[in-house]
Amino acid sequence: MDLQLSGKRALVTGSTAGIGFAIATELAREGVAVVLNGRSNERVAQAVQRLQAAVPPAQVRGVAADVASAAGREL
């Protein structure tokens, strides 16, 4: 499916597992540069590795932060 998102960037919150990870994976397949988010550095790093393995050409980075808090949104 071509959603015409290639070259765009997306922050997917809660994306270290489940539906969030699935959404991030599909966006990466569409050519979107994806920023994964979760609360723990370890889970975010693991999710980044899984996504890069699933979609090798993907542009992926991760940010560990609680976006529900003011401090987390500042990162």
PDB file of N, CA and C in Angstrom:
ATOM      1  N   MET A   1       0.844  -1.159   0.000  1.00  0.00           N
ATOM      2  CA  MET A   1       0.000   0.000   0.000  1.00  0.00           C
ATOM      3  C   MET A   1       0.900   1.237   0.000  1.00  0.00           C
ATOM      4  N   ASP A   2       0.583   2.217  -0.804  1.00  0.00           N
ATOM      5  CA  ASP A   2       1.361   3.454  -0.828  1.00  0.00           C
ATOM      6  C   ASP A   2       0.515   4.579  -0.245  1.00  0.00           C
ATOM      7  N   LEU A   3       0.850   4.955   0.970  1.00  0.00           N
ATOM      8  CA  LEU A   3       0.122   6.027   1.645  1.00  0.00           C
ATOM      9  C   LEU A   3       0.724   7.402   1.361  1.00  0.00           C
ATOM     10  N   GLN A   4       1.728   7.441   0.484  1.00  0.00           N
ATOM     11  CA  GLN A   4       2.408   8.678   0.097  1.00  0.00           C
ATOM     12  C   GLN A   4       2.991   9.392   1.323  1.00  0.00           C
ATOM     13  N   LEU A   5       3.625   8.604   2.187  1.00  0.00           N
ATOM     14  CA  LEU A   5       4.239   9.151   3.397  1.00  0.00           C
ATOM     15  C   LEU A   5       5.760   9.112   3.341  1.00  0.00           C
ATOM     16  N   SER A   6       6.309   8.595   2.272  1.00  0.00           N
ATOM     17  CA  SER A   6       7.759   8.485   2.158  1.00  0.00           C
ATOM     18  C   SER A   6       8.410   9.851   2.367  1.00  0.00           C
ATOM     19  N   GLY A   7       9.453   9.869   3.191  1.00  0.00           N
ATOM     20  CA  GLY A   7      10.154  11.110   3.469  1.00  0.00           C
ATOM     21  C   GLY A   7       9.598  11.882   4.655  1.00  0.00           C
ATOM     22  N   LYS A   8       8.486  11.436   5.207  1.00  0.00           N
ATOM     23  CA  LYS A   8       7.898  12.088   6.377  1.00  0.00           C
ATOM     24  C   LYS A   8       8.540  11.527   7.640  1.00  0.00           C
ATOM     25  N   ARG A   9       8.233  12.113   8.778  1.00  0.00           N
ATOM     26  CA  ARG A   9       8.739  11.669  10.074  1.00  0.00           C
ATOM     27  C   ARG A   9       7.548  11.482  11.010  1.00  0.00           C
ATOM     28  N   ALA A  10       7.602  10.425  11.843  1.00  0.00           N
ATOM     29  CA  ALA A  10       6.510  10.170  12.779  1.00  0.00           C
ATOM     30  C   ALA A  10       7.050   9.756  14.136  1.00  0.00           C
ATOM     31  N   LEU A  11       6.458  10.313  15.177  1.00  0.00           N
ATOM     32  CA  LEU A  11       6.708   9.883  16.543  1.00  0.00           C
ATOM     33  C   LEU A  11       5.541   8.972  16.907  1.00  0.00           C
ATOM     34  N   VAL A  12       5.856   7.722  17.271  1.00  0.00           N
ATOM     35  CA  VAL A  12       4.816   6.776  17.660  1.00  0.00           C
ATOM     36  C   VAL A  12       5.004   6.493  19.150  1.00  0.00           C
ATOM     37  N   THR A  13       4.093   7.006  19.956  1.00  0.00           N
ATOM     38  CA  THR A  13       4.207   6.806  21.402  1.00  0.00           C
ATOM     39  C   THR A  13       3.728   5.402  21.756  1.00  0.00           C
ATOM     40  N   GLY A  14       4.265   4.866  22.844  1.00  0.00           N
ATOM     41  CA  GLY A  14       3.891   3.522  23.267  1.00  0.00           C
ATOM     42  C   GLY A  14       4.209   2.487  22.211  1.00  0.00           C
ATOM     43  N   SER A  15       5.353   2.640  21.561  1.00  0.00           N
ATOM     44  CA  SER A  15       5.644   1.814  20.384  1.00  0.00           C
ATOM     45  C   SER A  15       6.680   0.722  20.610  1.00  0.00           C
ATOM     46  N   THR A  16       6.897   0.320  21.851  1.00  0.00           N
ATOM     47  CA  THR A  16       7.876  -0.744  22.091  1.00  0.00           C
ATOM     48  C   THR A  16       7.259  -2.129  21.950  1.00  0.00           C
ATOM     49  N   ALA A  17       5.938  -2.221  21.852  1.00  0.00           N
ATOM     50  CA  ALA A  17       5.267  -3.517  21.715  1.00  0.00           C
ATOM     51  C   ALA A  17       3.847  -3.298  21.187  1.00  0.00           C
ATOM     52  N   GLY A  18       3.195  -4.381  20.876  1.00  0.00           N
ATOM     53  CA  GLY A  18       1.776  -4.363  20.528  1.00  0.00           C
ATOM     54  C   GLY A  18       1.413  -3.501  19.336  1.00  0.00           C
ATOM     55  N   ILE A  19       0.279  -2.843  19.461  1.00  0.00           N
ATOM     56  CA  ILE A  19      -0.258  -2.044  18.363  1.00  0.00           C
ATOM     57  C   ILE A  19       0.684  -0.902  17.986  1.00  0.00           C
ATOM     58  N   GLY A  20       1.284  -0.258  18.975  1.00  0.00           N
ATOM     59  CA  GLY A  20       2.209   0.842  18.683  1.00  0.00           C
ATOM     60  C   GLY A  20       3.390   0.379  17.840  1.00  0.00           C
ATOM     61  N   PHE A  21       3.947  -0.784  18.181  1.00  0.00           N
ATOM     62  CA  PHE A  21       5.072  -1.317  17.404  1.00  0.00           C
ATOM     63  C   PHE A  21       4.616  -1.689  15.997  1.00  0.00           C
ATOM     64  N   ALA A  22       3.428  -2.268  15.873  1.00  0.00           N
ATOM     65  CA  ALA A  22       2.897  -2.634  14.557  1.00  0.00           C
ATOM     66  C   ALA A  22       2.699  -1.389  13.681  1.00  0.00           C
ATOM     67  N   ILE A  23       2.196  -0.328  14.268  1.00  0.00           N
ATOM     68  CA  ILE A  23       2.010   0.928  13.526  1.00  0.00           C
ATOM     69  C   ILE A  23       3.364   1.470  13.075  1.00  0.00           C
ATOM     70  N   ALA A  24       4.336   1.490  13.984  1.00  0.00           N
ATOM     71  CA  ALA A  24       5.676   1.981  13.642  1.00  0.00           C
ATOM     72  C   ALA A  24       6.294   1.154  12.526  1.00  0.00           C
ATOM     73  N   THR A  25       6.091  -0.151  12.558  1.00  0.00           N
ATOM     74  CA  THR A  25       6.631  -1.034  11.517  1.00  0.00           C
ATOM     75  C   THR A  25       6.020  -0.709  10.164  1.00  0.00           C
ATOM     76  N   GLU A  26       4.724  -0.557  10.109  1.00  0.00           N
ATOM     77  CA  GLU A  26       4.070  -0.248   8.836  1.00  0.00           C
ATOM     78  C   GLU A  26       4.480   1.124   8.315  1.00  0.00           C
ATOM     79  N   LEU A  27       4.617   2.092   9.211  1.00  0.00           N
ATOM     80  CA  LEU A  27       5.086   3.405   8.781  1.00  0.00           C
ATOM     81  C   LEU A  27       6.500   3.310   8.209  1.00  0.00           C
ATOM     82  N   ALA A  28       7.372   2.550   8.860  1.00  0.00           N
ATOM     83  CA  ALA A  28       8.740   2.368   8.359  1.00  0.00           C
ATOM     84  C   ALA A  28       8.719   1.718   6.978  1.00  0.00           C
ATOM     85  N   ARG A  29       7.836   0.757   6.772  1.00  0.00           N
ATOM     86  CA  ARG A  29       7.720   0.110   5.446  1.00  0.00           C
ATOM     87  C   ARG A  29       7.272   1.098   4.377  1.00  0.00           C
ATOM     88  N   GLU A  30       6.549   2.136   4.791  1.00  0.00           N
ATOM     89  CA  GLU A  30       6.084   3.175   3.862  1.00  0.00           C
ATOM     90  C   GLU A  30       7.157   4.233   3.594  1.00  0.00           C
ATOM     91  N   GLY A  31       8.312   4.112   4.259  1.00  0.00           N
ATOM     92  CA  GLY A  31       9.392   5.067   4.039  1.00  0.00           C
ATOM     93  C   GLY A  31       9.414   6.220   5.013  1.00  0.00           C
ATOM     94  N   VAL A  32       8.657   6.112   6.091  1.00  0.00           N
ATOM     95  CA  VAL A  32       8.617   7.147   7.116  1.00  0.00           C
ATOM     96  C   VAL A  32       9.802   6.958   8.068  1.00  0.00           C
ATOM     97  N   ALA A  33      10.459   8.046   8.442  1.00  0.00           N
ATOM     98  CA  ALA A  33      11.490   8.001   9.481  1.00  0.00           C
ATOM     99  C   ALA A  33      10.743   7.949  10.812  1.00  0.00           C
ATOM    100  N   VAL A  34      10.946   6.872  11.559  1.00  0.00           N
ATOM    101  CA  VAL A  34      10.150   6.604  12.749  1.00  0.00           C
ATOM    102  C   VAL A  34      10.947   6.849  14.031  1.00  0.00           C
ATOM    103  N   VAL A  35      10.299   7.522  14.988  1.00  0.00           N
ATOM    104  CA  VAL A  35      10.849   7.685  16.324  1.00  0.00           C
ATOM    105  C   VAL A  35       9.982   6.834  17.253  1.00  0.00           C
ATOM    106  N   LEU A  36      10.600   5.784  17.817  1.00  0.00           N
ATOM    107  CA  LEU A  36       9.894   4.920  18.761  1.00  0.00           C
ATOM    108  C   LEU A  36       9.965   5.542  20.141  1.00  0.00           C
ATOM    109  N   ASN A  37       8.903   5.336  20.928  1.00  0.00           N
ATOM    110  CA  ASN A  37       8.853   5.894  22.277  1.00  0.00           C
ATOM    111  C   ASN A  37       8.337   4.862  23.253  1.00  0.00           C
ATOM    112  N   GLY A  38       8.967   4.842  24.418  1.00  0.00           N
ATOM    113  CA  GLY A  38       8.527   4.014  25.531  1.00  0.00           C
ATOM    114  C   GLY A  38       9.113   4.602  26.796  1.00  0.00           C
ATOM    115  N   ARG A  39       8.817   4.009  27.929  1.00  0.00           N
ATOM    116  CA  ARG A  39       9.264   4.582  29.197  1.00  0.00           C
ATOM    117  C   ARG A  39      10.632   4.087  29.632  1.00  0.00           C
ATOM    118  N   SER A  40      11.098   2.962  29.097  1.00  0.00           N
ATOM    119  CA  SER A  40      12.361   2.392  29.557  1.00  0.00           C
ATOM    120  C   SER A  40      13.393   2.368  28.427  1.00  0.00           C
ATOM    121  N   ASN A  41      14.622   2.769  28.760  1.00  0.00           N
ATOM    122  CA  ASN A  41      15.698   2.755  27.760  1.00  0.00           C
ATOM    123  C   ASN A  41      15.888   1.372  27.164  1.00  0.00           C
ATOM    124  N   GLU A  42      15.821   0.350  28.008  1.00  0.00           N
ATOM    125  CA  GLU A  42      16.033  -1.025  27.543  1.00  0.00           C
ATOM    126  C   GLU A  42      14.966  -1.455  26.543  1.00  0.00           C
ATOM    127  N   ARG A  43      13.708  -1.202  26.860  1.00  0.00           N
ATOM    128  CA  ARG A  43      12.629  -1.603  25.940  1.00  0.00           C
ATOM    129  C   ARG A  43      12.682  -0.812  24.632  1.00  0.00           C
ATOM    130  N   VAL A  44      13.019   0.458  24.727  1.00  0.00           N
ATOM    131  CA  VAL A  44      13.128   1.268  23.506  1.00  0.00           C
ATOM    132  C   VAL A  44      14.263   0.744  22.632  1.00  0.00           C
ATOM    133  N   ALA A  45      15.415   0.460  23.222  1.00  0.00           N
ATOM    134  CA  ALA A  45      16.562  -0.061  22.458  1.00  0.00           C
ATOM    135  C   ALA A  45      16.216  -1.393  21.805  1.00  0.00           C
ATOM    136  N   GLN A  46      15.520  -2.271  22.513  1.00  0.00           N
ATOM    137  CA  GLN A  46      15.121  -3.554  21.946  1.00  0.00           C
ATOM    138  C   GLN A  46      14.150  -3.359  20.786  1.00  0.00           C
ATOM    139  N   ALA A  47      13.214  -2.446  20.936  1.00  0.00           N
ATOM    140  CA  ALA A  47      12.245  -2.183  19.874  1.00  0.00           C
ATOM    141  C   ALA A  47      12.925  -1.611  18.639  1.00  0.00           C
ATOM    142  N   VAL A  48      13.882  -0.720  18.831  1.00  0.00           N
ATOM    143  CA  VAL A  48      14.631  -0.161  17.696  1.00  0.00           C
ATOM    144  C   VAL A  48      15.340  -1.284  16.943  1.00  0.00           C
ATOM    145  N   GLN A  49      15.984  -2.193  17.671  1.00  0.00           N
ATOM    146  CA  GLN A  49      16.677  -3.314  17.025  1.00  0.00           C
ATOM    147  C   GLN A  49      15.695  -4.211  16.279  1.00  0.00           C
ATOM    148  N   ARG A  50      14.541  -4.504  16.884  1.00  0.00           N
ATOM    149  CA  ARG A  50      13.546  -5.361  16.218  1.00  0.00           C
ATOM    150  C   ARG A  50      13.023  -4.706  14.945  1.00  0.00           C
ATOM    151  N   LEU A  51      12.783  -3.412  15.002  1.00  0.00           N
ATOM    152  CA  LEU A  51      12.259  -2.721  13.822  1.00  0.00           C
ATOM    153  C   LEU A  51      13.307  -2.657  12.723  1.00  0.00           C
ATOM    154  N   GLN A  52      14.548  -2.392  13.078  1.00  0.00           N
ATOM    155  CA  GLN A  52      15.615  -2.369  12.066  1.00  0.00           C
ATOM    156  C   GLN A  52      15.805  -3.741  11.433  1.00  0.00           C
ATOM    157  N   ALA A  53      15.622  -4.807  12.203  1.00  0.00           N
ATOM    158  CA  ALA A  53      15.729  -6.158  11.654  1.00  0.00           C
ATOM    159  C   ALA A  53      14.552  -6.469  10.733  1.00  0.00           C
ATOM    160  N   ALA A  54      13.371  -5.998  11.079  1.00  0.00           N
ATOM    161  CA  ALA A  54      12.170  -6.261  10.283  1.00  0.00           C
ATOM    162  C   ALA A  54      12.125  -5.439   9.002  1.00  0.00           C
ATOM    163  N   VAL A  55      12.661  -4.214   9.067  1.00  0.00           N
ATOM    164  CA  VAL A  55      12.644  -3.294   7.912  1.00  0.00           C
ATOM    165  C   VAL A  55      14.049  -2.701   7.779  1.00  0.00           C
ATOM    166  N   PRO A  56      14.979  -3.463   7.171  1.00  0.00           N
ATOM    167  CA  PRO A  56      16.390  -3.040   7.141  1.00  0.00           C
ATOM    168  C   PRO A  56      16.662  -1.618   6.636  1.00  0.00           C
ATOM    169  N   PRO A  57      15.944  -1.125   5.627  1.00  0.00           N
ATOM    170  CA  PRO A  57      16.284   0.240   5.196  1.00  0.00           C
ATOM    171  C   PRO A  57      15.664   1.338   6.058  1.00  0.00           C
ATOM    172  N   ALA A  58      14.961   0.958   7.109  1.00  0.00           N
ATOM    173  CA  ALA A  58      14.226   1.932   7.922  1.00  0.00           C
ATOM    174  C   ALA A  58      15.152   2.921   8.628  1.00  0.00           C
ATOM    175  N   GLN A  59      14.679   4.151   8.724  1.00  0.00           N
ATOM    176  CA  GLN A  59      15.329   5.170   9.539  1.00  0.00           C
ATOM    177  C   GLN A  59      14.595   5.174  10.871  1.00  0.00           C
ATOM    178  N   VAL A  60      15.265   4.664  11.907  1.00  0.00           N
ATOM    179  CA  VAL A  60      14.616   4.485  13.208  1.00  0.00           C
ATOM    180  C   VAL A  60      15.491   5.054  14.308  1.00  0.00           C
ATOM    181  N   ARG A  61      14.869   5.732  15.230  1.00  0.00           N
ATOM    182  CA  ARG A  61      15.555   6.110  16.459  1.00  0.00           C
ATOM    183  C   ARG A  61      14.567   5.961  17.602  1.00  0.00           C
ATOM    184  N   GLY A  62      15.078   5.981  18.806  1.00  0.00           N
ATOM    185  CA  GLY A  62      14.217   5.778  19.952  1.00  0.00           C
ATOM    186  C   GLY A  62      14.424   6.834  21.009  1.00  0.00           C
ATOM    187  N   VAL A  63      13.357   7.114  21.745  1.00  0.00           N
ATOM    188  CA  VAL A  63      13.397   8.069  22.843  1.00  0.00           C
ATOM    189  C   VAL A  63      12.660   7.451  24.023  1.00  0.00           C
ATOM    190  N   ALA A  64      13.357   7.304  25.132  1.00  0.00           N
ATOM    191  CA  ALA A  64      12.726   6.813  26.354  1.00  0.00           C
ATOM    192  C   ALA A  64      12.240   8.017  27.149  1.00  0.00           C
ATOM    193  N   ALA A  65      10.929   8.147  27.276  1.00  0.00           N
ATOM    194  CA  ALA A  65      10.347   9.272  28.007  1.00  0.00           C
ATOM    195  C   ALA A  65       8.877   8.991  28.268  1.00  0.00           C
ATOM    196  N   ASP A  66       8.368   9.522  29.356  1.00  0.00           N
ATOM    197  CA  ASP A  66       6.943   9.443  29.658  1.00  0.00           C
ATOM    198  C   ASP A  66       6.304  10.716  29.122  1.00  0.00           C
ATOM    199  N   VAL A  67       5.678  10.618  27.955  1.00  0.00           N
ATOM    200  CA  VAL A  67       5.118  11.810  27.318  1.00  0.00           C
ATOM    201  C   VAL A  67       3.888  12.349  28.052  1.00  0.00           C
ATOM    202  N   ALA A  68       3.423  11.629  29.074  1.00  0.00           N
ATOM    203  CA  ALA A  68       2.312  12.124  29.880  1.00  0.00           C
ATOM    204  C   ALA A  68       2.798  13.128  30.929  1.00  0.00           C
ATOM    205  N   SER A  69       4.114  13.241  31.083  1.00  0.00           N
ATOM    206  CA  SER A  69       4.646  14.182  32.072  1.00  0.00           C
ATOM    207  C   SER A  69       5.328  15.359  31.360  1.00  0.00           C
ATOM    208  N   ALA A  70       5.359  16.493  32.022  1.00  0.00           N
ATOM    209  CA  ALA A  70       6.012  17.676  31.451  1.00  0.00           C
ATOM    210  C   ALA A  70       7.488  17.408  31.200  1.00  0.00           C
ATOM    211  N   ALA A  71       8.154  16.735  32.133  1.00  0.00           N
ATOM    212  CA  ALA A  71       9.583  16.442  31.969  1.00  0.00           C
ATOM    213  C   ALA A  71       9.819  15.522  30.766  1.00  0.00           C
ATOM    214  N   GLY A  72       8.953  14.556  30.578  1.00  0.00           N
ATOM    215  CA  GLY A  72       9.085  13.647  29.444  1.00  0.00           C
ATOM    216  C   GLY A  72       8.869  14.323  28.115  1.00  0.00           C
ATOM    217  N   ARG A  73       7.985  15.298  28.073  1.00  0.00           N
ATOM    218  CA  ARG A  73       7.728  16.022  26.816  1.00  0.00           C
ATOM    219  C   ARG A  73       8.856  16.959  26.445  1.00  0.00           C
ATOM    220  N   GLU A  74       9.697  17.335  27.408  1.00  0.00           N
ATOM    221  CA  GLU A  74      10.817  18.232  27.127  1.00  0.00           C
ATOM    222  C   GLU A  74      11.950  17.542  26.388  1.00  0.00           C
ATOM    223  N   LEU A  75      11.997  16.209  26.428  1.00  0.00           N
ATOM    224  CA  LEU A  75      13.073  15.489  25.744  1.00  0.00           C
ATOM    225  C   LEU A  75      12.856  15.616  24.298  1.00  0.00           C
TER     226      LEU A  75
END
